[in-house]
Amino acid sequence: MSKDRRIDIEEVGAVTVVRLLEKKILEETSIDALGQDLFALVDRDGRRKVVLDFKAVEYLSSAAIGRVTSLDKKLKVAQGKLVLCNIRKDIFEVFQLLRLPLVLTICNDLDQALEKF
């Protein structure tokens, strides 16, 4: 794995599973690069069914959460869907404080997320 690799992509049928590889997504440059990688999946690659797997993520800044919500909006505009899974309890609590479970589809694990399509 190269140092600048932030995501791992796997196709599961018609769904693109994106595993976030960084444990700490806190620095602005890292968040910007991650956002570009994620947005390219929709804009450049035309992907419409995306699962974001947070299994490796231990810390997530509010700016990174903003990129996730922007990706959700981008997919909805393109008639696509974003599902999140494997979010640590402490990070999920932040999502709840921001009332994100009302607008984002969040599942406990990958199998459950894949069933949303």
PDB file of N, CA and C in Angstrom:
ATOM      1  N   MET A   1       0.848  -1.182   0.000  1.00  0.00           N
ATOM      2  CA  MET A   1       0.000   0.000   0.000  1.00  0.00           C
ATOM      3  C   MET A   1       0.889   1.240   0.000  1.00  0.00           C
ATOM      4  N   SER A   2       0.674   2.123  -0.978  1.00  0.00           N
ATOM      5  CA  SER A   2       1.472   3.331  -1.043  1.00  0.00           C
ATOM      6  C   SER A   2       1.036   4.305   0.050  1.00  0.00           C
ATOM      7  N   LYS A   3       1.932   5.196   0.404  1.00  0.00           N
ATOM      8  CA  LYS A   3       1.689   6.123   1.505  1.00  0.00           C
ATOM      9  C   LYS A   3       0.476   7.019   1.247  1.00  0.00           C
ATOM     10  N   ASP A   4       0.248   7.381  -0.028  1.00  0.00           N
ATOM     11  CA  ASP A   4      -0.828   8.323  -0.332  1.00  0.00           C
ATOM     12  C   ASP A   4      -2.154   7.635  -0.661  1.00  0.00           C
ATOM     13  N   ARG A   5      -2.235   6.346  -0.480  1.00  0.00           N
ATOM     14  CA  ARG A   5      -3.468   5.629  -0.765  1.00  0.00           C
ATOM     15  C   ARG A   5      -4.441   5.791   0.388  1.00  0.00           C
ATOM     16  N   ARG A   6      -5.575   6.401   0.107  1.00  0.00           N
ATOM     17  CA  ARG A   6      -6.544   6.714   1.150  1.00  0.00           C
ATOM     18  C   ARG A   6      -7.756   5.789   1.133  1.00  0.00           C
ATOM     19  N   ILE A   7      -8.005   5.183  -0.032  1.00  0.00           N
ATOM     20  CA  ILE A   7      -9.185   4.330  -0.163  1.00  0.00           C
ATOM     21  C   ILE A   7      -8.827   3.048  -0.902  1.00  0.00           C
ATOM     22  N   ASP A   8      -9.635   2.036  -0.656  1.00  0.00           N
ATOM     23  CA  ASP A   8      -9.547   0.775  -1.383  1.00  0.00           C
ATOM     24  C   ASP A   8     -10.935   0.546  -1.981  1.00  0.00           C
ATOM     25  N   ILE A   9     -10.974   0.227  -3.268  1.00  0.00           N
ATOM     26  CA  ILE A   9     -12.254   0.084  -3.957  1.00  0.00           C
ATOM     27  C   ILE A   9     -12.464  -1.366  -4.362  1.00  0.00           C
ATOM     28  N   GLU A  10     -13.657  -1.867  -4.087  1.00  0.00           N
ATOM     29  CA  GLU A  10     -14.035  -3.228  -4.482  1.00  0.00           C
ATOM     30  C   GLU A  10     -15.434  -3.175  -5.087  1.00  0.00           C
ATOM     31  N   GLU A  11     -15.609  -3.869  -6.182  1.00  0.00           N
ATOM     32  CA  GLU A  11     -16.937  -3.970  -6.793  1.00  0.00           C
ATOM     33  C   GLU A  11     -17.625  -5.216  -6.253  1.00  0.00           C
ATOM     34  N   VAL A  12     -18.807  -5.046  -5.690  1.00  0.00           N
ATOM     35  CA  VAL A  12     -19.612  -6.163  -5.217  1.00  0.00           C
ATOM     36  C   VAL A  12     -20.912  -6.091  -6.011  1.00  0.00           C
ATOM     37  N   GLY A  13     -20.953  -6.847  -7.106  1.00  0.00           N
ATOM     38  CA  GLY A  13     -22.092  -6.733  -8.020  1.00  0.00           C
ATOM     39  C   GLY A  13     -22.095  -5.343  -8.620  1.00  0.00           C
ATOM     40  N   ALA A  14     -23.221  -4.648  -8.517  1.00  0.00           N
ATOM     41  CA  ALA A  14     -23.343  -3.298  -9.064  1.00  0.00           C
ATOM     42  C   ALA A  14     -22.974  -2.224  -8.048  1.00  0.00           C
ATOM     43  N   VAL A  15     -22.510  -2.631  -6.865  1.00  0.00           N
ATOM     44  CA  VAL A  15     -22.212  -1.686  -5.791  1.00  0.00           C
ATOM     45  C   VAL A  15     -20.698  -1.498  -5.664  1.00  0.00           C
ATOM     46  N   THR A  16     -20.290  -0.248  -5.495  1.00  0.00           N
ATOM     47  CA  THR A  16     -18.889   0.076  -5.252  1.00  0.00           C
ATOM     48  C   THR A  16     -18.679   0.202  -3.752  1.00  0.00           C
ATOM     49  N   VAL A  17     -17.837  -0.668  -3.197  1.00  0.00           N
ATOM     50  CA  VAL A  17     -17.506  -0.612  -1.776  1.00  0.00           C
ATOM     51  C   VAL A  17     -16.184   0.138  -1.651  1.00  0.00           C
ATOM     52  N   VAL A  18     -16.224   1.246  -0.909  1.00  0.00           N
ATOM     53  CA  VAL A  18     -15.046   2.077  -0.705  1.00  0.00           C
ATOM     54  C   VAL A  18     -14.631   1.957   0.755  1.00  0.00           C
ATOM     55  N   ARG A  19     -13.467   1.354   0.977  1.00  0.00           N
ATOM     56  CA  ARG A  19     -12.945   1.223   2.336  1.00  0.00           C
ATOM     57  C   ARG A  19     -12.002   2.387   2.600  1.00  0.00           C
ATOM     58  N   LEU A  20     -12.295   3.137   3.646  1.00  0.00           N
ATOM     59  CA  LEU A  20     -11.407   4.224   4.053  1.00  0.00           C
ATOM     60  C   LEU A  20     -10.231   3.597   4.792  1.00  0.00           C
ATOM     61  N   LEU A  21      -9.012   3.912   4.380  1.00  0.00           N
ATOM     62  CA  LEU A  21      -7.833   3.226   4.900  1.00  0.00           C
ATOM     63  C   LEU A  21      -7.113   3.974   6.012  1.00  0.00           C
ATOM     64  N   GLU A  22      -7.337   5.275   6.126  1.00  0.00           N
ATOM     65  CA  GLU A  22      -6.637   6.052   7.143  1.00  0.00           C
ATOM     66  C   GLU A  22      -7.337   5.923   8.498  1.00  0.00           C
ATOM     67  N   LYS A  23      -6.540   5.748   9.546  1.00  0.00           N
ATOM     68  CA  LYS A  23      -7.112   5.665  10.894  1.00  0.00           C
ATOM     69  C   LYS A  23      -7.588   7.025  11.373  1.00  0.00           C
ATOM     70  N   LYS A  24      -6.820   8.057  11.022  1.00  0.00           N
ATOM     71  CA  LYS A  24      -7.141   9.415  11.468  1.00  0.00           C
ATOM     72  C   LYS A  24      -7.344  10.294  10.236  1.00  0.00           C
ATOM     73  N   ILE A  25      -8.549  10.766  10.059  1.00  0.00           N
ATOM     74  CA  ILE A  25      -8.852  11.659   8.949  1.00  0.00           C
ATOM     75  C   ILE A  25      -9.101  13.027   9.568  1.00  0.00           C
ATOM     76  N   LEU A  26      -7.994  13.764   9.770  1.00  0.00           N
ATOM     77  CA  LEU A  26      -8.047  15.006  10.525  1.00  0.00           C
ATOM     78  C   LEU A  26      -7.441  16.200   9.785  1.00  0.00           C
ATOM     79  N   GLU A  27      -6.378  15.976   9.013  1.00  0.00           N
ATOM     80  CA  GLU A  27      -5.660  17.077   8.374  1.00  0.00           C
ATOM     81  C   GLU A  27      -6.384  17.553   7.113  1.00  0.00           C
ATOM     82  N   GLU A  28      -6.374  18.867   6.920  1.00  0.00           N
ATOM     83  CA  GLU A  28      -7.099  19.458   5.801  1.00  0.00           C
ATOM     84  C   GLU A  28      -6.635  18.924   4.448  1.00  0.00           C
ATOM     85  N   THR A  29      -5.319  18.777   4.258  1.00  0.00           N
ATOM     86  CA  THR A  29      -4.815  18.286   2.975  1.00  0.00           C
ATOM     87  C   THR A  29      -5.282  16.856   2.722  1.00  0.00           C
ATOM     88  N   SER A  30      -5.294  16.054   3.757  1.00  0.00           N
ATOM     89  CA  SER A  30      -5.752  14.668   3.646  1.00  0.00           C
ATOM     90  C   SER A  30      -7.250  14.620   3.336  1.00  0.00           C
ATOM     91  N   ILE A  31      -8.017  15.480   3.989  1.00  0.00           N
ATOM     92  CA  ILE A  31      -9.465  15.529   3.777  1.00  0.00           C
ATOM     93  C   ILE A  31      -9.780  15.993   2.360  1.00  0.00           C
ATOM     94  N   ASP A  32      -9.044  17.002   1.879  1.00  0.00           N
ATOM     95  CA  ASP A  32      -9.253  17.493   0.508  1.00  0.00           C
ATOM     96  C   ASP A  32      -8.967  16.393  -0.512  1.00  0.00           C
ATOM     97  N   ALA A  33      -7.860  15.677  -0.315  1.00  0.00           N
ATOM     98  CA  ALA A  33      -7.500  14.597  -1.242  1.00  0.00           C
ATOM     99  C   ALA A  33      -8.535  13.472  -1.199  1.00  0.00           C
ATOM    100  N   LEU A  34      -8.995  13.126   0.001  1.00  0.00           N
ATOM    101  CA  LEU A  34     -10.017  12.101   0.137  1.00  0.00           C
ATOM    102  C   LEU A  34     -11.297  12.532  -0.568  1.00  0.00           C
ATOM    103  N   GLY A  35     -11.690  13.791  -0.364  1.00  0.00           N
ATOM    104  CA  GLY A  35     -12.882  14.319  -1.028  1.00  0.00           C
ATOM    105  C   GLY A  35     -12.766  14.226  -2.542  1.00  0.00           C
ATOM    106  N   GLN A  36     -11.603  14.575  -3.079  1.00  0.00           N
ATOM    107  CA  GLN A  36     -11.393  14.487  -4.525  1.00  0.00           C
ATOM    108  C   GLN A  36     -11.519  13.041  -5.002  1.00  0.00           C
ATOM    109  N   ASP A  37     -10.923  12.110  -4.253  1.00  0.00           N
ATOM    110  CA  ASP A  37     -11.014  10.683  -4.615  1.00  0.00           C
ATOM    111  C   ASP A  37     -12.470  10.217  -4.621  1.00  0.00           C
ATOM    112  N   LEU A  38     -13.223  10.599  -3.596  1.00  0.00           N
ATOM    113  CA  LEU A  38     -14.616  10.160  -3.478  1.00  0.00           C
ATOM    114  C   LEU A  38     -15.492  10.802  -4.558  1.00  0.00           C
ATOM    115  N   PHE A  39     -15.327  12.104  -4.783  1.00  0.00           N
ATOM    116  CA  PHE A  39     -16.142  12.794  -5.783  1.00  0.00           C
ATOM    117  C   PHE A  39     -15.852  12.268  -7.187  1.00  0.00           C
ATOM    118  N   ALA A  40     -14.590  11.864  -7.445  1.00  0.00           N
ATOM    119  CA  ALA A  40     -14.217  11.318  -8.751  1.00  0.00           C
ATOM    120  C   ALA A  40     -14.959  10.012  -9.045  1.00  0.00           C
ATOM    121  N   LEU A  41     -15.287   9.259  -8.013  1.00  0.00           N
ATOM    122  CA  LEU A  41     -16.045   8.024  -8.215  1.00  0.00           C
ATOM    123  C   LEU A  41     -17.373   8.318  -8.909  1.00  0.00           C
ATOM    124  N   VAL A  42     -17.979   9.436  -8.567  1.00  0.00           N
ATOM    125  CA  VAL A  42     -19.268   9.819  -9.140  1.00  0.00           C
ATOM    126  C   VAL A  42     -19.061  10.596 -10.443  1.00  0.00           C
ATOM    127  N   ASP A  43     -18.245  11.640 -10.388  1.00  0.00           N
ATOM    128  CA  ASP A  43     -18.079  12.540 -11.530  1.00  0.00           C
ATOM    129  C   ASP A  43     -17.315  11.906 -12.686  1.00  0.00           C
ATOM    130  N   ARG A  44     -16.211  11.243 -12.402  1.00  0.00           N
ATOM    131  CA  ARG A  44     -15.358  10.685 -13.448  1.00  0.00           C
ATOM    132  C   ARG A  44     -15.761   9.255 -13.817  1.00  0.00           C
ATOM    133  N   ASP A  45     -16.037   8.442 -12.789  1.00  0.00           N
ATOM    134  CA  ASP A  45     -16.284   7.024 -13.027  1.00  0.00           C
ATOM    135  C   ASP A  45     -17.756   6.671 -13.210  1.00  0.00           C
ATOM    136  N   GLY A  46     -18.648   7.596 -12.881  1.00  0.00           N
ATOM    137  CA  GLY A  46     -20.076   7.366 -13.072  1.00  0.00           C
ATOM    138  C   GLY A  46     -20.688   6.351 -12.125  1.00  0.00           C
ATOM    139  N   ARG A  47     -20.074   6.160 -10.978  1.00  0.00           N
ATOM    140  CA  ARG A  47     -20.623   5.190 -10.013  1.00  0.00           C
ATOM    141  C   ARG A  47     -21.836   5.791  -9.320  1.00  0.00           C
ATOM    142  N   ARG A  48     -22.863   4.968  -9.107  1.00  0.00           N
ATOM    143  CA  ARG A  48     -24.111   5.463  -8.538  1.00  0.00           C
ATOM    144  C   ARG A  48     -24.533   4.742  -7.261  1.00  0.00           C
ATOM    145  N   LYS A  49     -23.943   3.592  -6.975  1.00  0.00           N
ATOM    146  CA  LYS A  49     -24.255   2.831  -5.767  1.00  0.00           C
ATOM    147  C   LYS A  49     -22.952   2.663  -4.984  1.00  0.00           C
ATOM    148  N   VAL A  50     -22.852   3.405  -3.884  1.00  0.00           N
ATOM    149  CA  VAL A  50     -21.581   3.461  -3.159  1.00  0.00           C
ATOM    150  C   VAL A  50     -21.801   3.155  -1.676  1.00  0.00           C
ATOM    151  N   VAL A  51     -20.964   2.271  -1.145  1.00  0.00           N
ATOM    152  CA  VAL A  51     -20.899   2.009   0.296  1.00  0.00           C
ATOM    153  C   VAL A  51     -19.564   2.551   0.790  1.00  0.00           C
ATOM    154  N   LEU A  52     -19.603   3.373   1.827  1.00  0.00           N
ATOM    155  CA  LEU A  52     -18.384   3.841   2.493  1.00  0.00           C
ATOM    156  C   LEU A  52     -18.201   3.023   3.756  1.00  0.00           C
ATOM    157  N   ASP A  53     -17.092   2.286   3.812  1.00  0.00           N
ATOM    158  CA  ASP A  53     -16.800   1.421   4.958  1.00  0.00           C
ATOM    159  C   ASP A  53     -15.777   2.118   5.865  1.00  0.00           C
ATOM    160  N   PHE A  54     -16.201   2.428   7.084  1.00  0.00           N
ATOM    161  CA  PHE A  54     -15.384   3.169   8.044  1.00  0.00           C
ATOM    162  C   PHE A  54     -14.636   2.262   9.016  1.00  0.00           C
ATOM    163  N   LYS A  55     -14.539   0.977   8.732  1.00  0.00           N
ATOM    164  CA  LYS A  55     -13.986   0.011   9.691  1.00  0.00           C
ATOM    165  C   LYS A  55     -12.611   0.410  10.236  1.00  0.00           C
ATOM    166  N   ALA A  56     -11.743   0.970   9.396  1.00  0.00           N
ATOM    167  CA  ALA A  56     -10.384   1.319   9.831  1.00  0.00           C
ATOM    168  C   ALA A  56     -10.300   2.690  10.501  1.00  0.00           C
ATOM    169  N   VAL A  57     -11.363   3.480  10.429  1.00  0.00           N
ATOM    170  CA  VAL A  57     -11.312   4.874  10.885  1.00  0.00           C
ATOM    171  C   VAL A  57     -11.535   4.968  12.399  1.00  0.00           C
ATOM    172  N   GLU A  58     -10.568   5.592  13.086  1.00  0.00           N
ATOM    173  CA  GLU A  58     -10.656   5.796  14.532  1.00  0.00           C
ATOM    174  C   GLU A  58     -10.999   7.239  14.892  1.00  0.00           C
ATOM    175  N   TYR A  59     -10.574   8.176  14.053  1.00  0.00           N
ATOM    176  CA  TYR A  59     -10.840   9.596  14.289  1.00  0.00           C
ATOM    177  C   TYR A  59     -11.261  10.247  12.983  1.00  0.00           C
ATOM    178  N   LEU A  60     -12.248  11.133  13.075  1.00  0.00           N
ATOM    179  CA  LEU A  60     -12.804  11.773  11.886  1.00  0.00           C
ATOM    180  C   LEU A  60     -13.145  13.216  12.238  1.00  0.00           C
ATOM    181  N   SER A  61     -12.602  14.162  11.486  1.00  0.00           N
ATOM    182  CA  SER A  61     -12.880  15.567  11.778  1.00  0.00           C
ATOM    183  C   SER A  61     -14.243  15.976  11.220  1.00  0.00           C
ATOM    184  N   SER A  62     -14.728  17.119  11.690  1.00  0.00           N
ATOM    185  CA  SER A  62     -16.011  17.621  11.177  1.00  0.00           C
ATOM    186  C   SER A  62     -15.900  17.965   9.694  1.00  0.00           C
ATOM    187  N   ALA A  63     -14.722  18.402   9.244  1.00  0.00           N
ATOM    188  CA  ALA A  63     -14.541  18.689   7.815  1.00  0.00           C
ATOM    189  C   ALA A  63     -14.671  17.413   6.981  1.00  0.00           C
ATOM    190  N   ALA A  64     -14.168  16.302   7.501  1.00  0.00           N
ATOM    191  CA  ALA A  64     -14.298  15.023   6.798  1.00  0.00           C
ATOM    192  C   ALA A  64     -15.761  14.596   6.749  1.00  0.00           C
ATOM    193  N   ILE A  65     -16.497  14.820   7.823  1.00  0.00           N
ATOM    194  CA  ILE A  65     -17.928  14.513   7.836  1.00  0.00           C
ATOM    195  C   ILE A  65     -18.633  15.359   6.783  1.00  0.00           C
ATOM    196  N   GLY A  66     -18.184  16.595   6.624  1.00  0.00           N
ATOM    197  CA  GLY A  66     -18.741  17.461   5.583  1.00  0.00           C
ATOM    198  C   GLY A  66     -18.545  16.896   4.193  1.00  0.00           C
ATOM    199  N   ARG A  67     -17.383  16.296   3.944  1.00  0.00           N
ATOM    200  CA  ARG A  67     -17.129  15.679   2.627  1.00  0.00           C
ATOM    201  C   ARG A  67     -18.077  14.498   2.393  1.00  0.00           C
ATOM    202  N   VAL A  68     -18.335  13.746   3.462  1.00  0.00           N
ATOM    203  CA  VAL A  68     -19.245  12.599   3.349  1.00  0.00           C
ATOM    204  C   VAL A  68     -20.656  13.079   2.999  1.00  0.00           C
ATOM    205  N   THR A  69     -21.111  14.136   3.669  1.00  0.00           N
ATOM    206  CA  THR A  69     -22.456  14.643   3.364  1.00  0.00           C
ATOM    207  C   THR A  69     -22.515  15.238   1.962  1.00  0.00           C
ATOM    208  N   SER A  70     -21.414  15.843   1.510  1.00  0.00           N
ATOM    209  CA  SER A  70     -21.362  16.366   0.131  1.00  0.00           C
ATOM    210  C   SER A  70     -21.423  15.225  -0.884  1.00  0.00           C
ATOM    211  N   LEU A  71     -20.747  14.128  -0.581  1.00  0.00           N
ATOM    212  CA  LEU A  71     -20.795  12.960  -1.467  1.00  0.00           C
ATOM    213  C   LEU A  71     -22.217  12.414  -1.533  1.00  0.00           C
ATOM    214  N   ASP A  72     -22.891  12.370  -0.393  1.00  0.00           N
ATOM    215  CA  ASP A  72     -24.281  11.910  -0.362  1.00  0.00           C
ATOM    216  C   ASP A  72     -25.151  12.788  -1.264  1.00  0.00           C
ATOM    217  N   LYS A  73     -25.010  14.093  -1.147  1.00  0.00           N
ATOM    218  CA  LYS A  73     -25.792  15.023  -1.986  1.00  0.00           C
ATOM    219  C   LYS A  73     -25.478  14.836  -3.460  1.00  0.00           C
ATOM    220  N   LYS A  74     -24.185  14.683  -3.778  1.00  0.00           N
ATOM    221  CA  LYS A  74     -23.752  14.494  -5.161  1.00  0.00           C
ATOM    222  C   LYS A  74     -24.384  13.219  -5.754  1.00  0.00           C
ATOM    223  N   LEU A  75     -24.396  12.157  -4.978  1.00  0.00           N
ATOM    224  CA  LEU A  75     -24.995  10.903  -5.452  1.00  0.00           C
ATOM    225  C   LEU A  75     -26.504  11.038  -5.614  1.00  0.00           C
ATOM    226  N   LYS A  76     -27.163  11.725  -4.694  1.00  0.00           N
ATOM    227  CA  LYS A  76     -28.615  11.905  -4.809  1.00  0.00           C
ATOM    228  C   LYS A  76     -28.975  12.696  -6.058  1.00  0.00           C
ATOM    229  N   VAL A  77     -28.200  13.735  -6.363  1.00  0.00           N
ATOM    230  CA  VAL A  77     -28.436  14.524  -7.577  1.00  0.00           C
ATOM    231  C   VAL A  77     -28.286  13.648  -8.828  1.00  0.00           C
ATOM    232  N   ALA A  78     -27.347  12.688  -8.769  1.00  0.00           N
ATOM    233  CA  ALA A  78     -27.097  11.781  -9.896  1.00  0.00           C
ATOM    234  C   ALA A  78     -28.004  10.550  -9.856  1.00  0.00           C
ATOM    235  N   GLN A  79     -29.066  10.604  -9.051  1.00  0.00           N
ATOM    236  CA  GLN A  79     -29.978   9.478  -8.830  1.00  0.00           C
ATOM    237  C   GLN A  79     -29.259   8.232  -8.316  1.00  0.00           C
ATOM    238  N   GLY A  80     -28.249   8.459  -7.493  1.00  0.00           N
ATOM    239  CA  GLY A  80     -27.513   7.366  -6.881  1.00  0.00           C
ATOM    240  C   GLY A  80     -27.811   7.278  -5.399  1.00  0.00           C
ATOM    241  N   LYS A  81     -27.021   6.439  -4.714  1.00  0.00           N
ATOM    242  CA  LYS A  81     -27.256   6.230  -3.283  1.00  0.00           C
ATOM    243  C   LYS A  81     -25.935   5.960  -2.583  1.00  0.00           C
ATOM    244  N   LEU A  82     -25.802   6.535  -1.382  1.00  0.00           N
ATOM    245  CA  LEU A  82     -24.646   6.313  -0.526  1.00  0.00           C
ATOM    246  C   LEU A  82     -25.118   5.640   0.752  1.00  0.00           C
ATOM    247  N   VAL A  83     -24.392   4.602   1.167  1.00  0.00           N
ATOM    248  CA  VAL A  83     -24.665   3.925   2.432  1.00  0.00           C
ATOM    249  C   VAL A  83     -23.344   3.863   3.206  1.00  0.00           C
ATOM    250  N   LEU A  84     -23.399   4.183   4.504  1.00  0.00           N
ATOM    251  CA  LEU A  84     -22.219   4.132   5.361  1.00  0.00           C
ATOM    252  C   LEU A  84     -22.298   2.904   6.256  1.00  0.00           C
ATOM    253  N   CYS A  85     -21.136   2.334   6.590  1.00  0.00           N
ATOM    254  CA  CYS A  85     -21.150   1.183   7.494  1.00  0.00           C
ATOM    255  C   CYS A  85     -19.881   1.131   8.338  1.00  0.00           C
ATOM    256  N   ASN A  86     -19.951   0.293   9.380  1.00  0.00           N
ATOM    257  CA  ASN A  86     -18.818   0.032  10.278  1.00  0.00           C
ATOM    258  C   ASN A  86     -18.265   1.300  10.930  1.00  0.00           C
ATOM    259  N   ILE A  87     -19.160   2.176  11.376  1.00  0.00           N
ATOM    260  CA  ILE A  87     -18.735   3.408  12.041  1.00  0.00           C
ATOM    261  C   ILE A  87     -18.567   3.127  13.532  1.00  0.00           C
ATOM    262  N   ARG A  88     -17.419   3.491  14.069  1.00  0.00           N
ATOM    263  CA  ARG A  88     -17.151   3.296  15.504  1.00  0.00           C
ATOM    264  C   ARG A  88     -18.186   4.039  16.340  1.00  0.00           C
ATOM    265  N   LYS A  89     -18.444   3.509  17.513  1.00  0.00           N
ATOM    266  CA  LYS A  89     -19.478   4.074  18.396  1.00  0.00           C
ATOM    267  C   LYS A  89     -19.249   5.560  18.689  1.00  0.00           C
ATOM    268  N   ASP A  90     -18.001   5.938  19.003  1.00  0.00           N
ATOM    269  CA  ASP A  90     -17.737   7.342  19.349  1.00  0.00           C
ATOM    270  C   ASP A  90     -17.923   8.274  18.151  1.00  0.00           C
ATOM    271  N   ILE A  91     -17.586   7.813  16.953  1.00  0.00           N
ATOM    272  CA  ILE A  91     -17.807   8.622  15.746  1.00  0.00           C
ATOM    273  C   ILE A  91     -19.307   8.683  15.442  1.00  0.00           C
ATOM    274  N   PHE A  92     -19.999   7.567  15.621  1.00  0.00           N
ATOM    275  CA  PHE A  92     -21.440   7.545  15.372  1.00  0.00           C
ATOM    276  C   PHE A  92     -22.171   8.521  16.293  1.00  0.00           C
ATOM    277  N   GLU A  93     -21.687   8.662  17.524  1.00  0.00           N
ATOM    278  CA  GLU A  93     -22.304   9.609  18.451  1.00  0.00           C
ATOM    279  C   GLU A  93     -22.226  11.037  17.909  1.00  0.00           C
ATOM    280  N   VAL A  94     -21.125  11.377  17.245  1.00  0.00           N
ATOM    281  CA  VAL A  94     -21.004  12.700  16.618  1.00  0.00           C
ATOM    282  C   VAL A  94     -22.019  12.815  15.481  1.00  0.00           C
ATOM    283  N   PHE A  95     -22.148  11.753  14.672  1.00  0.00           N
ATOM    284  CA  PHE A  95     -23.143  11.748  13.600  1.00  0.00           C
ATOM    285  C   PHE A  95     -24.541  11.997  14.181  1.00  0.00           C
ATOM    286  N   GLN A  96     -24.823  11.363  15.324  1.00  0.00           N
ATOM    287  CA  GLN A  96     -26.138  11.542  15.957  1.00  0.00           C
ATOM    288  C   GLN A  96     -26.338  12.970  16.444  1.00  0.00           C
ATOM    289  N   LEU A  97     -25.303  13.567  17.029  1.00  0.00           N
ATOM    290  CA  LEU A  97     -25.397  14.951  17.488  1.00  0.00           C
ATOM    291  C   LEU A  97     -25.705  15.895  16.327  1.00  0.00           C
ATOM    292  N   LEU A  98     -25.153  15.578  15.171  1.00  0.00           N
ATOM    293  CA  LEU A  98     -25.376  16.398  13.971  1.00  0.00           C
ATOM    294  C   LEU A  98     -26.662  16.014  13.240  1.00  0.00           C
ATOM    295  N   ARG A  99     -27.380  15.042  13.801  1.00  0.00           N
ATOM    296  CA  ARG A  99     -28.643  14.547  13.242  1.00  0.00           C
ATOM    297  C   ARG A  99     -28.468  13.946  11.832  1.00  0.00           C
ATOM    298  N   LEU A 100     -27.296  13.422  11.564  1.00  0.00           N
ATOM    299  CA  LEU A 100     -27.019  12.858  10.243  1.00  0.00           C
ATOM    300  C   LEU A 100     -27.758  11.553   9.944  1.00  0.00           C
ATOM    301  N   PRO A 101     -28.076  10.727  10.961  1.00  0.00           N
ATOM    302  CA  PRO A 101     -28.854   9.528  10.629  1.00  0.00           C
ATOM    303  C   PRO A 101     -30.226   9.843  10.021  1.00  0.00           C
ATOM    304  N   LEU A 102     -30.668  11.082  10.123  1.00  0.00           N
ATOM    305  CA  LEU A 102     -31.936  11.468   9.489  1.00  0.00           C
ATOM    306  C   LEU A 102     -31.786  11.644   7.978  1.00  0.00           C
ATOM    307  N   VAL A 103     -30.566  11.944   7.518  1.00  0.00           N
ATOM    308  CA  VAL A 103     -30.357  12.187   6.085  1.00  0.00           C
ATOM    309  C   VAL A 103     -29.430  11.167   5.418  1.00  0.00           C
ATOM    310  N   LEU A 104     -28.616  10.485   6.202  1.00  0.00           N
ATOM    311  CA  LEU A 104     -27.696   9.484   5.659  1.00  0.00           C
ATOM    312  C   LEU A 104     -28.187   8.087   6.004  1.00  0.00           C
ATOM    313  N   THR A 105     -27.910   7.133   5.119  1.00  0.00           N
ATOM    314  CA  THR A 105     -28.216   5.736   5.404  1.00  0.00           C
ATOM    315  C   THR A 105     -26.990   5.126   6.073  1.00  0.00           C
ATOM    316  N   ILE A 106     -27.155   4.682   7.315  1.00  0.00           N
ATOM    317  CA  ILE A 106     -26.039   4.159   8.102  1.00  0.00           C
ATOM    318  C   ILE A 106     -26.376   2.754   8.586  1.00  0.00           C
ATOM    319  N   CYS A 107     -25.474   1.815   8.319  1.00  0.00           N
ATOM    320  CA  CYS A 107     -25.676   0.416   8.697  1.00  0.00           C
ATOM    321  C   CYS A 107     -24.559  -0.045   9.629  1.00  0.00           C
ATOM    322  N   ASN A 108     -24.833  -1.120  10.357  1.00  0.00           N
ATOM    323  CA  ASN A 108     -23.846  -1.663  11.286  1.00  0.00           C
ATOM    324  C   ASN A 108     -22.657  -2.292  10.576  1.00  0.00           C
ATOM    325  N   ASP A 109     -22.920  -3.044   9.500  1.00  0.00           N
ATOM    326  CA  ASP A 109     -21.830  -3.760   8.830  1.00  0.00           C
ATOM    327  C   ASP A 109     -22.031  -3.757   7.314  1.00  0.00           C
ATOM    328  N   LEU A 110     -21.050  -4.298   6.618  1.00  0.00           N
ATOM    329  CA  LEU A 110     -21.056  -4.287   5.156  1.00  0.00           C
ATOM    330  C   LEU A 110     -22.217  -5.092   4.582  1.00  0.00           C
ATOM    331  N   ASP A 111     -22.490  -6.262   5.139  1.00  0.00           N
ATOM    332  CA  ASP A 111     -23.594  -7.090   4.628  1.00  0.00           C
ATOM    333  C   ASP A 111     -24.916  -6.329   4.686  1.00  0.00           C
ATOM    334  N   GLN A 112     -25.156  -5.671   5.809  1.00  0.00           N
ATOM    335  CA  GLN A 112     -26.374  -4.895   5.970  1.00  0.00           C
ATOM    336  C   GLN A 112     -26.408  -3.727   4.969  1.00  0.00           C
ATOM    337  N   ALA A 113     -25.260  -3.107   4.753  1.00  0.00           N
ATOM    338  CA  ALA A 113     -25.188  -1.991   3.804  1.00  0.00           C
ATOM    339  C   ALA A 113     -25.497  -2.444   2.374  1.00  0.00           C
ATOM    340  N   LEU A 114     -24.958  -3.583   1.983  1.00  0.00           N
ATOM    341  CA  LEU A 114     -25.196  -4.090   0.631  1.00  0.00           C
ATOM    342  C   LEU A 114     -26.664  -4.414   0.407  1.00  0.00           C
ATOM    343  N   GLU A 115     -27.365  -4.778   1.471  1.00  0.00           N
ATOM    344  CA  GLU A 115     -28.804  -5.093   1.351  1.00  0.00           C
ATOM    345  C   GLU A 115     -29.641  -3.860   1.049  1.00  0.00           C
ATOM    346  N   LYS A 116     -29.097  -2.657   1.266  1.00  0.00           N
ATOM    347  CA  LYS A 116     -29.828  -1.411   1.023  1.00  0.00           C
ATOM    348  C   LYS A 116     -29.976  -1.092  -0.454  1.00  0.00           C
ATOM    349  N   PHE A 117     -29.303  -1.864  -1.301  1.00  0.00           N
ATOM    350  CA  PHE A 117     -29.401  -1.648  -2.745  1.00  0.00           C
ATOM    351  C   PHE A 117     -30.299  -2.701  -3.333  1.00  0.00           C
TER     352      PHE A 117
END
